[in-house]
């Protein structure tokens, strides 16, 4: 089984000050997604939501700046690390990932173990 990162990119303003019911709905959707990963025969290894890009600190060379390096409409808001049989299975799982204000990107994790 290989590891894949599901990166969740969404419009941050959609979650800037969500109503409690919007937040609860999002949490329920992600809870259901965790169940669906197993139903799809894959395994969740981890995942987290990220603080807004306004909390980011960017480093380019020797220059450290507050905030994100690039202005974009969609920002990385969270991720899941999964284990799946192959890319097809990882994509099937990723299609179920809640991202109503954007989308997801699936990237294989590079095996650097040398084995």
N, C-alpha and C. Protein backbone atom coordinates (compact mmCIF):
# COMPACT_ATOMS: atom_id res chain seq x y z
N UNK A 1 0.85 -1.18 0.00
CA UNK A 1 0.00 0.00 0.00
C UNK A 1 0.89 1.24 0.00
N UNK A 2 0.47 2.24 -0.74
CA UNK A 2 1.21 3.49 -0.84
C UNK A 2 0.50 4.58 -0.05
N UNK A 3 1.25 5.64 0.25
CA UNK A 3 0.68 6.77 0.98
C UNK A 3 0.38 7.91 0.01
N UNK A 4 -0.75 8.57 0.26
CA UNK A 4 -1.18 9.70 -0.55
C UNK A 4 -1.63 10.82 0.37
N UNK A 5 -1.34 12.04 -0.04
CA UNK A 5 -1.79 13.21 0.70
C UNK A 5 -2.95 13.83 -0.08
N UNK A 6 -4.05 14.02 0.60
CA UNK A 6 -5.20 14.71 0.02
C UNK A 6 -5.15 16.13 0.57
N UNK A 7 -4.86 17.08 -0.29
CA UNK A 7 -4.73 18.48 0.09
C UNK A 7 -6.04 19.20 -0.22
N UNK A 8 -6.59 19.87 0.76
CA UNK A 8 -7.88 20.54 0.62
C UNK A 8 -7.65 22.03 0.38
N UNK A 9 -8.04 22.49 -0.81
CA UNK A 9 -7.91 23.90 -1.17
C UNK A 9 -9.30 24.51 -1.27
N UNK A 10 -9.54 25.56 -0.49
CA UNK A 10 -10.84 26.21 -0.53
C UNK A 10 -10.69 27.72 -0.39
N UNK A 11 -11.76 28.42 -0.69
CA UNK A 11 -11.82 29.86 -0.51
C UNK A 11 -11.92 30.13 0.99
N UNK A 12 -10.87 30.72 1.56
CA UNK A 12 -10.82 30.95 3.01
C UNK A 12 -11.95 31.83 3.52
N UNK A 13 -12.39 32.78 2.70
CA UNK A 13 -13.42 33.70 3.17
C UNK A 13 -14.73 32.97 3.49
N UNK A 14 -14.92 31.80 2.91
CA UNK A 14 -16.13 31.03 3.18
C UNK A 14 -16.18 30.52 4.62
N UNK A 15 -15.01 30.42 5.25
CA UNK A 15 -14.93 29.95 6.63
C UNK A 15 -14.45 31.04 7.59
N UNK A 16 -14.37 32.27 7.12
CA UNK A 16 -13.80 33.35 7.94
C UNK A 16 -14.54 33.50 9.27
N UNK A 17 -15.82 33.59 9.24
CA UNK A 17 -16.63 33.69 10.45
C UNK A 17 -17.90 32.87 10.25
N UNK A 18 -17.75 31.55 10.25
CA UNK A 18 -18.91 30.71 9.95
C UNK A 18 -19.93 30.70 11.08
N UNK A 19 -21.17 30.60 10.70
CA UNK A 19 -22.23 30.42 11.71
C UNK A 19 -22.00 29.06 12.37
N UNK A 20 -22.39 28.90 13.61
CA UNK A 20 -22.18 27.63 14.30
C UNK A 20 -22.72 26.42 13.53
N UNK A 21 -23.86 26.58 12.88
CA UNK A 21 -24.42 25.45 12.14
C UNK A 21 -23.60 25.11 10.89
N UNK A 22 -22.97 26.11 10.28
CA UNK A 22 -22.10 25.86 9.12
C UNK A 22 -20.87 25.08 9.58
N UNK A 23 -20.29 25.49 10.70
CA UNK A 23 -19.12 24.80 11.25
C UNK A 23 -19.47 23.36 11.63
N UNK A 24 -20.60 23.18 12.29
CA UNK A 24 -21.05 21.84 12.69
C UNK A 24 -21.27 20.95 11.47
N UNK A 25 -21.87 21.51 10.44
CA UNK A 25 -22.10 20.75 9.20
C UNK A 25 -20.78 20.32 8.57
N UNK A 26 -19.80 21.20 8.58
CA UNK A 26 -18.48 20.87 8.04
C UNK A 26 -17.82 19.76 8.85
N UNK A 27 -17.91 19.85 10.17
CA UNK A 27 -17.30 18.83 11.02
C UNK A 27 -17.98 17.47 10.83
N UNK A 28 -19.30 17.48 10.67
CA UNK A 28 -20.02 16.23 10.41
C UNK A 28 -19.61 15.64 9.07
N UNK A 29 -19.44 16.49 8.06
CA UNK A 29 -19.02 16.02 6.74
C UNK A 29 -17.64 15.38 6.80
N UNK A 30 -16.73 15.98 7.54
CA UNK A 30 -15.39 15.42 7.65
C UNK A 30 -15.38 14.15 8.51
N UNK A 31 -16.24 14.08 9.50
CA UNK A 31 -16.39 12.84 10.27
C UNK A 31 -16.89 11.71 9.39
N UNK A 32 -17.86 12.02 8.56
CA UNK A 32 -18.38 11.02 7.62
C UNK A 32 -17.29 10.61 6.63
N UNK A 33 -16.51 11.57 6.17
CA UNK A 33 -15.42 11.25 5.24
C UNK A 33 -14.44 10.27 5.86
N UNK A 34 -14.12 10.44 7.13
CA UNK A 34 -13.21 9.51 7.82
C UNK A 34 -13.77 8.10 7.79
N UNK A 35 -15.09 7.96 7.94
CA UNK A 35 -15.73 6.64 7.84
C UNK A 35 -15.67 6.10 6.41
N UNK A 36 -15.86 6.97 5.43
CA UNK A 36 -15.85 6.55 4.03
C UNK A 36 -14.48 6.07 3.58
N UNK A 37 -13.43 6.63 4.16
CA UNK A 37 -12.07 6.17 3.81
C UNK A 37 -11.96 4.68 4.09
N UNK A 38 -12.42 4.26 5.24
CA UNK A 38 -12.38 2.84 5.63
C UNK A 38 -13.32 2.03 4.74
N UNK A 39 -14.50 2.56 4.47
CA UNK A 39 -15.45 1.86 3.60
C UNK A 39 -14.87 1.62 2.20
N UNK A 40 -13.99 2.51 1.76
CA UNK A 40 -13.37 2.39 0.45
C UNK A 40 -12.17 1.44 0.47
N UNK A 41 -11.83 0.90 1.63
CA UNK A 41 -10.73 -0.04 1.74
C UNK A 41 -9.38 0.61 1.93
N UNK A 42 -9.37 1.91 2.20
CA UNK A 42 -8.12 2.62 2.45
C UNK A 42 -7.98 2.84 3.96
N UNK A 43 -6.92 3.51 4.35
CA UNK A 43 -6.66 3.74 5.78
C UNK A 43 -6.23 5.19 5.97
N UNK A 44 -6.82 5.85 6.97
CA UNK A 44 -6.39 7.20 7.29
C UNK A 44 -5.22 7.12 8.26
N UNK A 45 -4.14 7.81 7.90
CA UNK A 45 -2.95 7.85 8.75
C UNK A 45 -2.87 9.14 9.56
N UNK A 46 -3.61 10.16 9.13
CA UNK A 46 -3.59 11.43 9.86
C UNK A 46 -4.26 12.51 9.05
N UNK A 47 -4.38 13.67 9.64
CA UNK A 47 -4.97 14.80 8.95
C UNK A 47 -5.22 15.93 9.92
N UNK A 48 -5.28 17.13 9.40
CA UNK A 48 -5.51 18.31 10.23
C UNK A 48 -6.08 19.44 9.39
N UNK A 49 -6.81 20.31 10.06
CA UNK A 49 -7.20 21.59 9.48
C UNK A 49 -6.09 22.58 9.80
N UNK A 50 -5.92 23.56 8.96
CA UNK A 50 -4.87 24.56 9.17
C UNK A 50 -5.48 25.91 9.54
N UNK A 51 -4.74 26.69 10.31
CA UNK A 51 -5.14 28.06 10.62
C UNK A 51 -5.14 28.85 9.31
N UNK A 52 -5.83 29.99 9.25
CA UNK A 52 -5.89 30.79 8.02
C UNK A 52 -4.51 31.25 7.56
N UNK A 53 -4.42 31.59 6.28
CA UNK A 53 -3.14 32.04 5.73
C UNK A 53 -2.64 33.32 6.39
N UNK A 54 -3.53 34.07 7.02
CA UNK A 54 -3.09 35.29 7.72
C UNK A 54 -2.17 34.96 8.89
N UNK A 55 -2.16 33.71 9.34
CA UNK A 55 -1.28 33.30 10.44
C UNK A 55 0.05 32.75 9.93
N UNK A 56 0.18 32.64 8.61
CA UNK A 56 1.38 32.03 8.02
C UNK A 56 2.58 32.95 8.09
N UNK A 57 3.75 32.35 8.12
CA UNK A 57 5.01 33.06 7.98
C UNK A 57 5.75 32.38 6.83
N UNK A 58 6.14 33.17 5.84
CA UNK A 58 6.82 32.62 4.65
C UNK A 58 8.30 32.92 4.71
N UNK A 59 9.08 31.96 4.23
CA UNK A 59 10.53 32.12 4.18
C UNK A 59 10.97 31.86 2.74
N UNK A 60 11.65 32.83 2.16
CA UNK A 60 12.23 32.69 0.82
C UNK A 60 13.67 33.15 0.93
N UNK A 61 14.59 32.18 0.83
CA UNK A 61 15.99 32.53 1.03
C UNK A 61 16.20 32.97 2.46
N UNK A 62 16.70 34.18 2.62
CA UNK A 62 16.94 34.73 3.95
C UNK A 62 15.84 35.70 4.39
N UNK A 63 14.79 35.83 3.58
CA UNK A 63 13.74 36.79 3.87
C UNK A 63 12.56 36.09 4.54
N UNK A 64 12.16 36.59 5.71
CA UNK A 64 11.03 36.06 6.46
C UNK A 64 9.94 37.13 6.46
N UNK A 65 8.74 36.75 6.01
CA UNK A 65 7.63 37.71 5.98
C UNK A 65 6.39 37.09 6.60
N UNK A 66 5.57 37.93 7.19
CA UNK A 66 4.30 37.47 7.74
C UNK A 66 3.31 37.29 6.61
N UNK A 67 2.45 36.30 6.76
CA UNK A 67 1.41 36.06 5.78
C UNK A 67 1.87 35.13 4.67
N UNK A 68 0.95 34.79 3.81
CA UNK A 68 1.28 33.86 2.72
C UNK A 68 2.16 34.54 1.68
N UNK A 69 2.91 33.75 0.95
CA UNK A 69 3.81 34.28 -0.06
C UNK A 69 3.04 34.75 -1.28
N UNK A 70 2.01 34.01 -1.66
CA UNK A 70 1.25 34.33 -2.86
C UNK A 70 -0.21 34.58 -2.52
N UNK A 71 -0.80 35.53 -3.21
CA UNK A 71 -2.23 35.78 -3.06
C UNK A 71 -2.97 34.85 -4.02
N UNK A 72 -3.88 34.06 -3.49
CA UNK A 72 -4.66 33.15 -4.32
C UNK A 72 -6.11 33.18 -3.84
N UNK A 73 -7.02 32.76 -4.71
CA UNK A 73 -8.43 32.69 -4.32
C UNK A 73 -8.65 31.51 -3.39
N UNK A 74 -7.94 30.41 -3.64
CA UNK A 74 -8.07 29.23 -2.80
C UNK A 74 -6.75 29.00 -2.07
N UNK A 75 -6.85 28.58 -0.82
CA UNK A 75 -5.67 28.35 -0.01
C UNK A 75 -5.73 26.95 0.59
N UNK A 76 -4.57 26.42 0.92
CA UNK A 76 -4.50 25.12 1.58
C UNK A 76 -5.11 25.26 2.96
N UNK A 77 -6.21 24.53 3.19
CA UNK A 77 -6.91 24.67 4.45
C UNK A 77 -6.79 23.45 5.35
N UNK A 78 -6.31 22.35 4.79
CA UNK A 78 -6.17 21.13 5.57
C UNK A 78 -5.72 19.98 4.70
N UNK A 79 -5.55 18.83 5.32
CA UNK A 79 -5.06 17.68 4.57
C UNK A 79 -5.43 16.39 5.29
N UNK A 80 -5.40 15.32 4.55
CA UNK A 80 -5.50 13.97 5.08
C UNK A 80 -4.35 13.17 4.49
N UNK A 81 -3.72 12.36 5.32
CA UNK A 81 -2.72 11.41 4.86
C UNK A 81 -3.39 10.04 4.89
N UNK A 82 -3.46 9.40 3.72
CA UNK A 82 -4.11 8.10 3.64
C UNK A 82 -3.16 7.06 3.08
N UNK A 83 -3.50 5.81 3.31
CA UNK A 83 -2.79 4.70 2.71
C UNK A 83 -3.80 4.02 1.79
N UNK A 84 -3.43 3.82 0.53
CA UNK A 84 -4.32 3.23 -0.45
C UNK A 84 -3.54 2.24 -1.32
N UNK A 85 -4.26 1.33 -1.92
CA UNK A 85 -3.63 0.30 -2.76
C UNK A 85 -2.92 0.92 -3.95
N UNK A 86 -3.52 1.95 -4.53
CA UNK A 86 -2.94 2.58 -5.72
C UNK A 86 -3.59 3.95 -5.92
N UNK A 87 -3.16 4.66 -6.96
CA UNK A 87 -3.69 5.99 -7.23
C UNK A 87 -5.19 5.96 -7.49
N UNK A 88 -5.66 4.94 -8.19
CA UNK A 88 -7.09 4.85 -8.47
C UNK A 88 -7.91 4.81 -7.18
N UNK A 89 -7.47 4.03 -6.22
CA UNK A 89 -8.18 3.95 -4.94
C UNK A 89 -8.07 5.29 -4.20
N UNK A 90 -6.90 5.91 -4.24
CA UNK A 90 -6.72 7.21 -3.59
C UNK A 90 -7.64 8.26 -4.20
N UNK A 91 -7.80 8.23 -5.51
CA UNK A 91 -8.69 9.18 -6.18
C UNK A 91 -10.14 8.92 -5.83
N UNK A 92 -10.52 7.66 -5.72
CA UNK A 92 -11.89 7.32 -5.33
C UNK A 92 -12.19 7.86 -3.94
N UNK A 93 -11.22 7.75 -3.04
CA UNK A 93 -11.38 8.29 -1.69
C UNK A 93 -11.45 9.81 -1.73
N UNK A 94 -10.53 10.43 -2.48
CA UNK A 94 -10.44 11.89 -2.53
C UNK A 94 -11.72 12.52 -3.09
N UNK A 95 -12.38 11.83 -4.00
CA UNK A 95 -13.63 12.36 -4.56
C UNK A 95 -14.69 12.55 -3.48
N UNK A 96 -14.57 11.85 -2.38
CA UNK A 96 -15.54 11.93 -1.29
C UNK A 96 -15.19 13.01 -0.27
N UNK A 97 -14.01 13.58 -0.37
CA UNK A 97 -13.54 14.56 0.62
C UNK A 97 -14.35 15.85 0.52
N UNK A 98 -14.92 16.30 1.63
CA UNK A 98 -15.71 17.54 1.58
C UNK A 98 -14.83 18.76 1.33
N UNK A 99 -15.15 19.49 0.28
CA UNK A 99 -14.47 20.74 -0.05
C UNK A 99 -15.47 21.61 -0.82
N UNK A 100 -16.57 22.02 -0.17
CA UNK A 100 -17.64 22.71 -0.89
C UNK A 100 -17.25 24.08 -1.46
N UNK A 101 -16.17 24.67 -0.97
CA UNK A 101 -15.77 25.99 -1.44
C UNK A 101 -14.48 25.94 -2.26
N UNK A 102 -14.19 24.77 -2.83
CA UNK A 102 -12.97 24.62 -3.61
C UNK A 102 -12.83 23.20 -4.11
N UNK A 103 -11.68 22.59 -3.88
CA UNK A 103 -11.44 21.24 -4.35
C UNK A 103 -10.27 20.61 -3.62
N UNK A 104 -9.89 19.44 -4.07
CA UNK A 104 -8.78 18.72 -3.44
C UNK A 104 -7.73 18.37 -4.48
N UNK A 105 -6.54 18.14 -4.00
CA UNK A 105 -5.41 17.68 -4.82
C UNK A 105 -4.89 16.41 -4.17
N UNK A 106 -4.57 15.41 -4.98
CA UNK A 106 -4.03 14.15 -4.47
C UNK A 106 -2.58 14.05 -4.92
N UNK A 107 -1.69 13.80 -3.96
CA UNK A 107 -0.27 13.67 -4.29
C UNK A 107 0.29 12.45 -3.60
N UNK A 108 1.00 11.59 -4.36
CA UNK A 108 1.66 10.46 -3.72
C UNK A 108 2.81 10.95 -2.84
N UNK A 109 2.98 10.29 -1.72
CA UNK A 109 4.10 10.60 -0.84
C UNK A 109 5.33 9.90 -1.39
N UNK A 110 6.41 10.62 -1.51
CA UNK A 110 7.66 10.06 -2.04
C UNK A 110 8.30 9.16 -0.99
N UNK A 111 8.54 7.92 -1.35
CA UNK A 111 9.19 6.96 -0.45
C UNK A 111 10.70 7.22 -0.50
N UNK A 112 11.23 7.73 0.59
CA UNK A 112 12.67 8.03 0.64
C UNK A 112 13.43 6.99 1.48
N UNK A 113 12.77 5.87 1.77
CA UNK A 113 13.38 4.86 2.62
C UNK A 113 14.50 4.10 1.92
N UNK A 114 14.51 4.16 0.59
CA UNK A 114 15.55 3.47 -0.16
C UNK A 114 15.30 1.97 -0.31
N UNK A 115 14.15 1.51 0.16
CA UNK A 115 13.85 0.08 0.12
C UNK A 115 12.95 -0.35 -0.97
